[in-house]
Amino acid sequence: MNITFIGGGNMACALIGGLLQQDYSPAQIRVAEINAETRERVRREFGVETVAELGWGMIDDRGIIVLAVKPQQLSVVARGLAPQLKQNLVISIAAGIQNKILEAMAFGLPVVASSRAVQGLSREAADTVAVADTPAEAVDGAEVVLTMLADGPTVDAVVPELDPDLLWIQSSTVGVSDTDRFAARHPRFLDAPVLGSRPAAETGELLVLASGPERPEEVLDAISNRVMWLGDEPGAGTKLKLTINLWILNLVENLGETMALAEALGLDQRSFLDAIKGRPMDSPYAQMKGEKIVTGDYSAAFALKLAAKDVGLAVEMADAAGVELGLAPQTLERMRRAIELGHGDEDMAATWFATRKGA
């Protein structure tokens, strides 16, 4: 199998040297490098073919492409090689580039963001989007708009009047009544909240809980690794998302109270985590959030104030369904207390401060 390197810098050279020490021959490796001095150095050191740029058909459609360019160059390279990127195994060693960003570049998905959103983007991501000053400008001429905002009132405030032909994918975690209102407001509406916090979003590994008559898989695949289709009527996605979040947040509150009790009893909190680790009563969330409590690292994967908002929405949903929840109102009260203590912007694990001795 042939390998084509796009870029001939230090990382590429290290990989080429390793390949040649194995079973690869110089004839199986080609390097495209725009800098003439670097190109000549690579050719002289390794005896491989080097070219200034790749022409159509120069990449074996059964081969491997290694993207070894600087992050700021990646969007141009990916778009130029889009046909080959779709049919070859692609390995990116460009620092700081997320897989889903690369896929969007290669597959030609144009992205427009408002200036508010661009402030939080990395440089390489910001280079791949067009910037609009207002939400109205951002959706002008668009075929699809995806909203992922803090709550229902924020969606109401931000989303302008939309072209009826535009598809609105609503991924914010909002209440059931909010989703019903949004669906009535726009004829092409997809209820598509996502499961996963910041790390999953950054790596494109969200789970989309989708309900609605349309299935824009190309768009959803760019932000997720799985889509659950729950029906043709909007609303099921929101209901399942709030149900799942309630289970998670009750678990986190339970963990917080357990860790507060362990501390008050003079126990090493980590001993609790070690005791349950790998046993039936363990859970990845207990270990992940317990580690935050033990180390005091409350950098937010999911902010406590948003967690409390979701518990409140779940309680409202249960009330409307005629179900009297016992645990959820207590979880909500504890989370609101921790927010009053100043932990609202911290990770939801900070809910334990509400129960901590002396709180």
Foldseek 3Di string as FASTA:
>chain_A
DAEEEEAQDDVNLVVLVVVVVPPDALARYEYADQDPVSQVVSCVVRVHHYHPDDDPPPDDLEYEYEYDDELQCLLVVLCVCLVSPVRYHYHYPHPPDAPLLSVCSSVVPAAEDEPVVLVPDDPSSNSRYHYHPALVVRQVPDQEDEDADLELVVCVVRHDQHDLNHAYEYAYQYFLVSFVVVCVRHVRYKDWHWDFFDVCQRNLAIETEIEAQDDPPVVNSSRHDYYDYDYHDPRPRNLVVLVVLLVLLLVLLVLLLVLLVCVVVVHQLVVVVVVCPPHPVDDPSSVVLSVCVNVVPFAASPFLLSSLVSLVSSCVVCVVVVHDDDRSVVSSVLSVQLVVVPRRRTYNNSSSVSNHPPD
